[in-house]
Structure formats: structure tokens, C-alpha cells
């Protein structure tokens, strides 16, 4: 991420996003790919789309961003969207915080 990332959060987007949706029981968990400007390639990532659908919470920076501009800047390609109930089911089914395959 080009935004300042907390070094202790780097590489932990799936578990951090899982905790965020599990603690708040709202929003949509997005598993996606993003363009990493540091690595110069696409990487797997997880983030939370808030209830209003216009804002996302990005777990590595622990910040909220306007969805449209964030998606454009990081060339987001959504792989899967999960509501709270689906997150619970997939966590139990796969015994991991993600990513999950259907």
C-alpha cells in the first residue's frame, strides 16, 4: 500500500479484516487483488466495505477511505464479497481467516 502502513500490521490484512467484521457484525468483507506500488505487482488483499457502500476500511493502514478513489488508485479487482453470516460460515468451513475458495 502506498499509504503509511503500520509495520506490525503488514501481511495481516485477512486476519485484521476478519476481526473488524466479526467485532462490528456489519459491513462486507472483500477479498480482492490490489496493485502494490512497492512490489510492482498485484497481490491478494482483504478490506471491509462499510454499510453505506461508499467507504472502505483498509486494515494495514487502519484507515477509512472513499471507496471509488481507493479502488481506482490501487486497481482493486474484487474476487469475493462476504456478509457477516458468510464470514462465519467460511471461517468454520476452512478453519482460517482467509483467503477462502468456494
N, C-alpha and C. Protein backbone atom coordinates (compact mmCIF):
# COMPACT_ATOMS: atom_id res chain seq x y z
N UNK A 1 0.83 -1.16 0.00
CA UNK A 1 0.00 0.00 0.00
C UNK A 1 0.89 1.25 0.00
N UNK A 2 0.55 2.22 -0.77
CA UNK A 2 1.31 3.46 -0.82
C UNK A 2 1.08 4.28 0.46
N UNK A 3 -0.06 4.10 1.11
CA UNK A 3 -0.32 4.79 2.37
C UNK A 3 0.63 4.22 3.43
N UNK A 4 0.89 5.02 4.45
CA UNK A 4 1.76 4.56 5.53
C UNK A 4 1.15 3.35 6.22
N UNK A 5 1.84 2.23 6.14
CA UNK A 5 1.37 1.01 6.79
C UNK A 5 2.08 0.85 8.13
N UNK A 6 1.35 0.41 9.11
CA UNK A 6 1.93 0.06 10.40
C UNK A 6 2.71 -1.24 10.19
N UNK A 7 4.01 -1.25 10.44
CA UNK A 7 4.80 -2.45 10.18
C UNK A 7 4.29 -3.69 10.92
N UNK A 8 3.63 -3.50 12.05
CA UNK A 8 3.11 -4.65 12.79
C UNK A 8 1.86 -5.21 12.15
N UNK A 9 1.24 -4.47 11.22
CA UNK A 9 0.01 -4.90 10.56
C UNK A 9 0.27 -5.46 9.16
N UNK A 10 1.45 -5.21 8.63
CA UNK A 10 1.79 -5.64 7.27
C UNK A 10 1.68 -7.16 7.14
N UNK A 11 1.04 -7.61 6.08
CA UNK A 11 0.88 -9.04 5.83
C UNK A 11 -0.23 -9.69 6.64
N UNK A 12 -1.00 -8.89 7.37
CA UNK A 12 -2.05 -9.43 8.24
C UNK A 12 -3.45 -8.95 7.83
N UNK A 13 -3.62 -8.59 6.56
CA UNK A 13 -4.90 -7.99 6.15
C UNK A 13 -6.07 -8.94 6.35
N UNK A 14 -5.89 -10.24 6.11
CA UNK A 14 -7.01 -11.18 6.23
C UNK A 14 -7.48 -11.31 7.67
N UNK A 15 -6.56 -11.47 8.58
CA UNK A 15 -6.95 -11.63 9.99
C UNK A 15 -7.49 -10.30 10.54
N UNK A 16 -6.90 -9.18 10.17
CA UNK A 16 -7.38 -7.88 10.65
C UNK A 16 -8.77 -7.56 10.10
N UNK A 17 -8.99 -7.84 8.82
CA UNK A 17 -10.31 -7.60 8.24
C UNK A 17 -11.34 -8.53 8.87
N UNK A 18 -10.96 -9.77 9.11
CA UNK A 18 -11.87 -10.73 9.76
C UNK A 18 -12.27 -10.22 11.15
N UNK A 19 -11.29 -9.78 11.92
CA UNK A 19 -11.60 -9.26 13.26
C UNK A 19 -12.51 -8.04 13.18
N UNK A 20 -12.27 -7.18 12.22
CA UNK A 20 -13.09 -5.97 12.09
C UNK A 20 -14.56 -6.32 11.84
N UNK A 21 -14.82 -7.20 10.88
CA UNK A 21 -16.21 -7.55 10.58
C UNK A 21 -16.80 -8.39 11.70
N UNK A 22 -16.02 -9.24 12.32
CA UNK A 22 -16.52 -10.07 13.41
C UNK A 22 -16.86 -9.22 14.64
N UNK A 23 -16.03 -8.24 14.93
CA UNK A 23 -16.27 -7.37 16.09
C UNK A 23 -17.47 -6.45 15.88
N UNK A 24 -17.65 -5.97 14.65
CA UNK A 24 -18.71 -4.99 14.36
C UNK A 24 -19.99 -5.62 13.82
N UNK A 25 -19.91 -6.86 13.34
CA UNK A 25 -21.05 -7.59 12.77
C UNK A 25 -21.79 -6.77 11.72
N UNK A 26 -21.06 -6.00 10.95
CA UNK A 26 -21.66 -5.24 9.86
C UNK A 26 -20.59 -4.97 8.80
N UNK A 27 -21.05 -4.57 7.64
CA UNK A 27 -20.14 -4.31 6.54
C UNK A 27 -19.99 -5.56 5.68
N UNK A 28 -19.16 -5.44 4.68
CA UNK A 28 -18.90 -6.54 3.76
C UNK A 28 -17.41 -6.77 3.68
N UNK A 29 -17.01 -8.02 3.88
CA UNK A 29 -15.61 -8.40 3.74
C UNK A 29 -15.33 -8.59 2.26
N UNK A 30 -14.31 -7.91 1.75
CA UNK A 30 -13.93 -8.01 0.35
C UNK A 30 -12.57 -8.69 0.27
N UNK A 31 -12.52 -9.82 -0.42
CA UNK A 31 -11.25 -10.43 -0.80
C UNK A 31 -10.99 -9.97 -2.22
N UNK A 32 -9.80 -9.44 -2.46
CA UNK A 32 -9.51 -8.81 -3.74
C UNK A 32 -8.03 -8.92 -4.07
N UNK A 33 -7.67 -8.35 -5.22
CA UNK A 33 -6.26 -8.13 -5.52
C UNK A 33 -6.08 -6.63 -5.65
N UNK A 34 -4.91 -6.16 -5.28
CA UNK A 34 -4.56 -4.75 -5.37
C UNK A 34 -3.22 -4.63 -6.06
N UNK A 35 -2.96 -3.47 -6.62
CA UNK A 35 -1.64 -3.24 -7.20
C UNK A 35 -0.74 -2.67 -6.11
N UNK A 36 0.38 -3.37 -5.85
CA UNK A 36 1.35 -2.91 -4.86
C UNK A 36 2.41 -2.07 -5.57
N UNK A 37 2.46 -0.79 -5.24
CA UNK A 37 3.45 0.10 -5.84
C UNK A 37 4.85 -0.24 -5.34
N UNK A 38 4.95 -0.79 -4.13
CA UNK A 38 6.25 -1.17 -3.58
C UNK A 38 6.81 -2.41 -4.27
N UNK A 39 5.96 -3.38 -4.57
CA UNK A 39 6.38 -4.64 -5.18
C UNK A 39 6.25 -4.63 -6.70
N UNK A 40 5.55 -3.64 -7.23
CA UNK A 40 5.32 -3.52 -8.67
C UNK A 40 4.61 -4.74 -9.25
N UNK A 41 3.61 -5.21 -8.50
CA UNK A 41 2.81 -6.34 -8.97
C UNK A 41 1.50 -6.38 -8.18
N UNK A 42 0.57 -7.21 -8.64
CA UNK A 42 -0.70 -7.42 -7.95
C UNK A 42 -0.50 -8.39 -6.80
N UNK A 43 -1.18 -8.12 -5.69
CA UNK A 43 -1.12 -9.01 -4.53
C UNK A 43 -2.53 -9.24 -4.00
N UNK A 44 -2.73 -10.35 -3.31
CA UNK A 44 -4.00 -10.64 -2.66
C UNK A 44 -4.16 -9.71 -1.46
N UNK A 45 -5.42 -9.34 -1.19
CA UNK A 45 -5.67 -8.39 -0.11
C UNK A 45 -7.10 -8.58 0.41
N UNK A 46 -7.36 -8.06 1.58
CA UNK A 46 -8.70 -8.07 2.17
C UNK A 46 -8.97 -6.68 2.73
N UNK A 47 -10.23 -6.26 2.63
CA UNK A 47 -10.64 -4.98 3.19
C UNK A 47 -12.13 -5.05 3.51
N UNK A 48 -12.64 -4.04 4.16
CA UNK A 48 -14.04 -4.01 4.57
C UNK A 48 -14.74 -2.84 3.87
N UNK A 49 -15.86 -3.16 3.23
CA UNK A 49 -16.73 -2.11 2.69
C UNK A 49 -17.75 -1.79 3.78
N UNK A 50 -17.89 -0.52 4.13
CA UNK A 50 -18.81 -0.14 5.19
C UNK A 50 -20.25 -0.27 4.72
N UNK A 51 -21.17 -0.15 5.65
CA UNK A 51 -22.59 -0.32 5.38
C UNK A 51 -23.11 0.62 4.29
N UNK A 52 -22.60 1.85 4.25
CA UNK A 52 -23.09 2.81 3.26
C UNK A 52 -22.61 2.49 1.84
N UNK A 53 -21.60 1.63 1.71
CA UNK A 53 -21.09 1.22 0.40
C UNK A 53 -20.18 2.22 -0.27
N UNK A 54 -19.99 3.40 0.33
CA UNK A 54 -19.15 4.44 -0.27
C UNK A 54 -17.76 4.51 0.36
N UNK A 55 -17.58 3.80 1.45
CA UNK A 55 -16.34 3.89 2.23
C UNK A 55 -15.78 2.50 2.46
N UNK A 56 -14.47 2.41 2.49
CA UNK A 56 -13.84 1.14 2.85
C UNK A 56 -12.91 1.38 4.04
N UNK A 57 -12.74 0.31 4.83
CA UNK A 57 -11.75 0.32 5.90
C UNK A 57 -10.61 -0.56 5.43
N UNK A 58 -9.41 0.00 5.41
CA UNK A 58 -8.23 -0.72 4.94
C UNK A 58 -7.44 -1.17 6.17
N UNK A 59 -7.26 -2.49 6.35
CA UNK A 59 -6.70 -3.00 7.60
C UNK A 59 -5.22 -2.74 7.83
N UNK A 60 -4.41 -2.66 6.80
CA UNK A 60 -2.96 -2.48 7.02
C UNK A 60 -2.66 -1.07 7.51
N UNK A 61 -3.38 -0.10 7.00
CA UNK A 61 -3.19 1.29 7.46
C UNK A 61 -4.13 1.64 8.60
N UNK A 62 -5.15 0.79 8.82
CA UNK A 62 -6.16 1.03 9.86
C UNK A 62 -6.86 2.38 9.64
N UNK A 63 -7.21 2.63 8.35
CA UNK A 63 -7.84 3.90 7.99
C UNK A 63 -9.05 3.65 7.09
N UNK A 64 -9.93 4.65 7.07
CA UNK A 64 -11.08 4.64 6.18
C UNK A 64 -10.76 5.48 4.95
N UNK A 65 -11.25 5.02 3.79
CA UNK A 65 -11.03 5.73 2.53
C UNK A 65 -12.32 5.77 1.74
N UNK A 66 -12.44 6.77 0.88
CA UNK A 66 -13.54 6.83 -0.06
C UNK A 66 -13.32 5.69 -1.05
N UNK A 67 -14.34 4.84 -1.21
CA UNK A 67 -14.20 3.60 -1.98
C UNK A 67 -13.77 3.85 -3.43
N UNK A 68 -14.46 4.74 -4.12
CA UNK A 68 -14.19 4.91 -5.54
C UNK A 68 -12.74 5.29 -5.81
N UNK A 69 -12.23 6.28 -5.10
CA UNK A 69 -10.85 6.71 -5.34
C UNK A 69 -9.84 5.64 -4.92
N UNK A 70 -10.13 4.93 -3.83
CA UNK A 70 -9.23 3.87 -3.38
C UNK A 70 -9.18 2.75 -4.41
N UNK A 71 -10.34 2.35 -4.93
CA UNK A 71 -10.41 1.29 -5.94
C UNK A 71 -9.65 1.69 -7.20
N UNK A 72 -9.77 2.95 -7.58
CA UNK A 72 -9.05 3.42 -8.78
C UNK A 72 -7.55 3.46 -8.55
N UNK A 73 -7.13 4.01 -7.41
CA UNK A 73 -5.70 4.17 -7.14
C UNK A 73 -4.98 2.82 -7.07
N UNK A 74 -5.59 1.86 -6.40
CA UNK A 74 -4.94 0.57 -6.19
C UNK A 74 -5.42 -0.51 -7.16
N UNK A 75 -6.19 -0.09 -8.16
CA UNK A 75 -6.65 -1.00 -9.22
C UNK A 75 -7.26 -2.27 -8.63
N UNK A 76 -8.20 -2.07 -7.70
CA UNK A 76 -8.84 -3.17 -6.99
C UNK A 76 -9.62 -4.06 -7.97
N UNK A 77 -9.39 -5.36 -7.84
CA UNK A 77 -10.20 -6.35 -8.55
C UNK A 77 -10.80 -7.25 -7.46
N UNK A 78 -12.12 -7.16 -7.31
CA UNK A 78 -12.79 -7.97 -6.30
C UNK A 78 -12.82 -9.43 -6.73
N UNK A 79 -12.51 -10.31 -5.77
CA UNK A 79 -12.55 -11.76 -6.02
C UNK A 79 -13.81 -12.33 -5.38
N UNK A 80 -14.06 -11.97 -4.11
CA UNK A 80 -15.26 -12.43 -3.39
C UNK A 80 -15.72 -11.35 -2.43
N UNK A 81 -17.03 -11.31 -2.19
CA UNK A 81 -17.66 -10.43 -1.21
C UNK A 81 -18.39 -11.34 -0.22
N UNK A 82 -18.24 -11.05 1.08
CA UNK A 82 -18.87 -11.86 2.12
C UNK A 82 -19.57 -10.96 3.13
N UNK A 83 -20.84 -11.27 3.43
CA UNK A 83 -21.51 -10.58 4.52
C UNK A 83 -21.12 -11.27 5.83
N UNK A 84 -21.59 -10.75 6.96
CA UNK A 84 -21.19 -11.29 8.26
C UNK A 84 -21.50 -12.78 8.39
N UNK A 85 -22.70 -13.20 8.00
CA UNK A 85 -23.08 -14.61 8.10
C UNK A 85 -22.17 -15.49 7.24
N UNK A 86 -21.86 -15.04 6.04
CA UNK A 86 -20.97 -15.81 5.16
C UNK A 86 -19.56 -15.90 5.72
N UNK A 87 -19.11 -14.82 6.37
CA UNK A 87 -17.79 -14.84 7.01
C UNK A 87 -17.74 -15.92 8.08
N UNK A 88 -18.79 -16.01 8.89
CA UNK A 88 -18.84 -17.04 9.94
C UNK A 88 -18.79 -18.44 9.34
N UNK A 89 -19.57 -18.65 8.32
CA UNK A 89 -19.63 -19.97 7.67
C UNK A 89 -18.28 -20.34 7.06
N UNK A 90 -17.69 -19.40 6.32
CA UNK A 90 -16.42 -19.70 5.64
C UNK A 90 -15.28 -19.90 6.64
N UNK A 91 -15.30 -19.16 7.75
CA UNK A 91 -14.28 -19.33 8.78
C UNK A 91 -14.35 -20.73 9.37
N UNK A 92 -15.54 -21.18 9.69
CA UNK A 92 -15.71 -22.53 10.25
C UNK A 92 -15.38 -23.60 9.23
N UNK A 93 -15.81 -23.40 8.00
CA UNK A 93 -15.58 -24.38 6.95
C UNK A 93 -14.10 -24.56 6.63
N UNK A 94 -13.37 -23.46 6.54
CA UNK A 94 -11.96 -23.52 6.12
C UNK A 94 -10.97 -23.44 7.27
N UNK A 95 -11.45 -23.15 8.46
CA UNK A 95 -10.59 -23.04 9.66
C UNK A 95 -9.41 -22.09 9.45
N UNK A 96 -9.70 -20.99 8.76
CA UNK A 96 -8.70 -19.94 8.54
C UNK A 96 -9.43 -18.61 8.38
N UNK A 97 -8.70 -17.51 8.48
CA UNK A 97 -9.27 -16.18 8.34
C UNK A 97 -9.35 -15.75 6.88
N UNK A 98 -8.82 -16.53 5.98
CA UNK A 98 -8.86 -16.25 4.55
C UNK A 98 -7.45 -16.23 3.99
N UNK A 99 -7.36 -16.23 2.69
CA UNK A 99 -8.46 -16.24 1.73
C UNK A 99 -9.13 -17.62 1.68
N UNK A 100 -10.34 -17.62 1.20
CA UNK A 100 -11.10 -18.85 1.08
C UNK A 100 -11.44 -19.13 -0.37
N UNK A 101 -11.56 -20.38 -0.69
CA UNK A 101 -12.04 -20.77 -2.01
C UNK A 101 -13.40 -21.39 -1.83
N UNK A 102 -14.34 -21.05 -2.71
CA UNK A 102 -15.67 -21.62 -2.64
C UNK A 102 -15.68 -23.04 -3.18
